[in-house]
Protein backbone atom coordinates (compact mmCIF):
# COMPACT_ATOMS: atom_id res chain seq x y z
CA UNK A 1 -0.05 0.15 -0.13
CA UNK A 2 0.73 3.59 -0.73
CA UNK A 3 0.09 6.83 -0.06
CA UNK A 4 -2.78 8.50 -1.74
CA UNK A 5 -4.13 11.76 -2.85
CA UNK A 6 -7.90 12.66 -3.17
CA UNK A 7 -8.32 16.11 -4.16
CA UNK A 8 -6.67 18.49 -1.28
CA UNK A 9 -6.02 15.41 1.07
CA UNK A 10 -3.50 12.58 1.20
CA UNK A 11 -4.63 9.60 3.03
CA UNK A 12 -1.70 6.95 4.74
CA UNK A 13 -2.35 3.15 4.61
CA UNK A 14 -4.10 2.23 7.91
CA UNK A 15 -5.93 -1.17 7.60
CA UNK A 16 -5.04 -4.08 4.87
CA UNK A 17 -7.43 -5.96 3.03
CA UNK A 18 -5.85 -9.20 4.75
CA UNK A 19 -7.04 -7.72 7.83
CA UNK A 20 -10.39 -6.13 6.74
CA UNK A 21 -11.74 -9.57 5.01
CA UNK A 22 -10.44 -11.72 8.24
CA UNK A 23 -12.43 -9.41 10.49
CA UNK A 24 -15.35 -9.61 8.38
CA UNK A 25 -15.16 -13.36 8.58
CA UNK A 26 -15.72 -13.36 12.38
CA UNK A 27 -18.39 -11.11 12.19
CA UNK A 28 -20.14 -13.26 10.11
CA UNK A 29 -19.60 -16.30 11.99
CA UNK A 30 -20.93 -14.49 14.92
CA UNK A 31 -23.99 -13.81 13.22
CA UNK A 32 -24.93 -17.13 12.02
CA UNK A 33 -24.53 -18.08 15.47
CA UNK A 34 -27.02 -15.41 16.43
CA UNK A 35 -29.69 -15.60 14.09
CA UNK A 36 -29.80 -19.67 13.24
CA UNK A 37 -33.14 -19.73 13.61
CA UNK A 38 -34.28 -16.89 12.20
CA UNK A 39 -34.51 -15.49 8.66
CA UNK A 40 -32.94 -12.02 9.05
CA UNK A 41 -33.74 -9.16 6.24
CA UNK A 42 -29.88 -7.69 5.58
CA UNK A 43 -30.50 -3.77 5.44
CA UNK A 44 -27.47 -1.60 3.73
CA UNK A 45 -26.62 1.52 4.35
CA UNK A 46 -25.68 2.87 0.92
CA UNK A 47 -23.13 4.36 -0.44
CA UNK A 48 -20.64 3.06 2.12
CA UNK A 49 -21.57 -0.11 3.11
CA UNK A 50 -21.64 -1.53 -0.36
CA UNK A 51 -18.26 -3.32 -0.45
CA UNK A 52 -18.32 -4.43 3.77
CA UNK A 53 -22.47 -5.70 2.31
CA UNK A 54 -21.26 -7.83 -0.49
CA UNK A 55 -18.31 -9.15 1.35
CA UNK A 56 -20.08 -10.02 4.28
CA UNK A 57 -23.19 -11.50 2.92
CA UNK A 58 -20.75 -13.82 0.93
CA UNK A 59 -20.07 -15.17 4.41
CA UNK A 60 -23.69 -15.54 6.33
CA UNK A 61 -24.52 -18.80 5.75
CA UNK A 62 -28.25 -18.09 7.27
CA UNK A 63 -31.28 -18.03 4.58
CA UNK A 64 -31.50 -14.40 4.92
CA UNK A 65 -33.07 -11.50 2.28
CA UNK A 66 -31.35 -8.50 1.91
CA UNK A 67 -32.52 -4.92 0.45
CA UNK A 68 -30.48 -1.23 0.66
CA UNK A 69 -31.53 2.40 1.95
CA UNK A 70 -29.72 5.48 1.25
CA UNK A 71 -29.36 8.01 3.42
CA UNK A 72 -26.88 10.74 4.11
CA UNK A 73 -25.09 12.66 6.73
CA UNK A 74 -21.48 13.61 5.96
CA UNK A 75 -20.52 16.55 3.42
CA UNK A 76 -16.51 16.73 2.69
CA UNK A 77 -14.75 15.15 5.93
CA UNK A 78 -17.28 15.99 9.08
CA UNK A 79 -20.80 15.19 9.36
CA UNK A 80 -23.37 17.74 8.61
CA UNK A 81 -25.30 16.73 11.62
CA UNK A 82 -28.62 16.47 9.70
CA UNK A 83 -29.86 13.02 7.85
CA UNK A 84 -31.35 13.53 4.85
CA UNK A 85 -33.04 9.82 3.42
CA UNK A 86 -32.54 9.40 0.00
CA UNK A 87 -34.29 6.20 -1.34
CA UNK A 88 -36.76 4.30 1.47
CA UNK A 89 -37.15 1.41 2.14
CA UNK A 90 -40.12 -0.39 0.49
CA UNK A 91 -40.07 -4.19 1.87
CA UNK A 92 -42.64 -5.13 4.08
CA UNK A 93 -40.25 -5.33 7.25
CA UNK A 94 -43.38 -5.83 10.29
CA UNK A 95 -42.42 -8.70 13.15
CA UNK A 96 -39.01 -9.11 11.31
CA UNK A 97 -35.58 -9.39 12.71
CA UNK A 98 -33.55 -6.67 10.63
CA UNK A 99 -29.75 -6.43 10.67
CA UNK A 100 -28.63 -3.06 9.73
CA UNK A 101 -25.21 -3.10 7.63
CA UNK A 102 -23.51 0.03 8.04
CA UNK A 103 -20.06 0.82 7.04
CA UNK A 104 -18.74 3.15 9.99
CA UNK A 105 -20.41 4.31 13.56
CA UNK A 106 -19.20 7.84 14.17
CA UNK A 107 -21.76 10.25 16.35
CA UNK A 108 -24.53 7.76 15.47
CA UNK A 109 -26.78 9.82 13.95
CA UNK A 110 -27.17 8.29 11.10
CA UNK A 111 -28.07 4.97 12.75
CA UNK A 112 -29.92 6.46 15.13
CA UNK A 113 -32.40 7.88 12.60
CA UNK A 114 -32.83 4.53 10.73
CA UNK A 115 -34.18 3.21 13.98
CA UNK A 116 -36.32 5.53 14.89
CA UNK A 117 -37.65 4.56 10.88
CA UNK A 118 -37.38 0.80 11.83
CA UNK A 119 -39.20 0.75 15.15
CA UNK A 120 -42.19 2.81 13.72
CA UNK A 121 -42.09 -0.19 11.76
CA UNK A 122 -43.25 -2.79 14.14
CA UNK A 123 -40.03 -5.16 13.45
CA UNK A 124 -39.29 -8.51 15.57
CA UNK A 125 -36.11 -6.69 16.95
CA UNK A 126 -32.71 -4.73 14.97
CA UNK A 127 -29.21 -5.90 15.60
CA UNK A 128 -26.48 -3.60 13.76
CA UNK A 129 -23.47 -4.62 11.86
CA UNK A 130 -21.08 -2.55 11.47
CA UNK A 131 -17.37 -2.63 9.99
CA UNK A 132 -15.69 0.34 11.85
CA UNK A 133 -16.66 1.68 15.02
CA UNK A 134 -15.69 5.07 16.59
CA UNK A 135 -16.07 4.97 20.23
CA UNK A 136 -14.44 8.16 20.81
CA UNK A 137 -16.97 9.93 18.57
CA UNK A 138 -20.03 7.86 19.26
CA UNK A 139 -22.45 9.89 20.98
CA UNK A 140 -25.51 7.66 21.27
CA UNK A 141 -26.86 4.71 23.37
CA UNK A 142 -27.94 1.91 20.63
CA UNK A 143 -26.17 -1.14 20.60
CA UNK A 144 -23.52 -1.77 18.17
CA UNK A 145 -24.11 -6.09 17.98
CA UNK A 146 -20.98 -6.71 15.49
CA UNK A 147 -17.83 -4.53 15.54
CA UNK A 148 -15.28 -5.44 13.02
CA UNK A 149 -13.03 -3.25 14.17
CA UNK A 150 -12.74 0.00 16.55
CA UNK A 151 -11.01 2.70 15.11
CA UNK A 152 -9.78 6.28 16.87
CA UNK A 153 -11.85 9.54 15.43
CA UNK A 154 -9.79 10.10 12.54
CA UNK A 155 -10.90 10.34 9.01
CA UNK A 156 -10.69 7.23 6.62
CA UNK A 157 -11.05 6.58 3.46
CA UNK A 158 -11.06 3.24 1.29
CA UNK A 159 -13.38 -0.46 1.25
CA UNK A 160 -16.71 1.70 0.39
CA UNK A 161 -15.85 4.81 2.97
CA UNK A 162 -14.90 7.80 0.96
CA UNK A 163 -14.11 11.53 0.73
CA UNK A 164 -16.07 13.31 -1.03
CA UNK A 165 -17.31 10.77 -3.18
CA UNK A 166 -13.81 9.57 -3.88
CA UNK A 167 -11.71 6.63 -2.84
CA UNK A 168 -14.80 4.19 -2.64
CA UNK A 169 -13.27 1.81 -4.79
CA UNK A 170 -9.95 1.03 -2.72
CA UNK A 171 -9.54 -2.17 -1.23
CA UNK A 172 -7.76 -1.50 1.51
CA UNK A 173 -8.51 1.32 4.18
CA UNK A 174 -6.47 4.48 4.63
CA UNK A 175 -6.25 7.38 7.38
CA UNK A 176 -5.88 11.12 6.33
CA UNK A 177 -2.03 11.88 6.97
CA UNK A 178 -2.18 14.46 9.48
CA UNK A 179 1.58 15.53 8.78
CA UNK A 180 0.35 16.87 5.26
CA UNK A 181 -0.55 20.43 5.34
CA UNK A 182 -3.52 19.50 2.23
CA UNK A 183 -5.41 23.02 2.67
């Protein structure tokens, strides 16, 4: 892995694809064990979760269904604090176990909005699977049931995560290089 520049920011290697895939496999094993007697609906939060969801669901061996929702709360490298639903949930989920698949949970604003939406639809239970969690930034009390990795409150890209739309396609995760003056 080498440094990458996206627009005006430089990022350095952080988590390799091998470590990512090993972590995803462990998460899937836990989900398989926990929900073996259920047929959950995996609700994938787009855009960032697409790579994680694809890898996770390749390892999920229990019967399940998959659907997608798009919510947004970021602009550039910081959260706007406002969540906008872009593509709504159209599947019938009343009485279902829903596993929310998130790429990253930092403040928890997006997750809280989504859990509120799901609760109104009278789901059986909500489980949350997030590849990354920033415990230092997390301000909510919602339980994150499955976490791939905890990271500091640093800005990361790659493996579905982006900076202004760029970097999602990188198989590794990179962190913002704080040592570079990137005005």
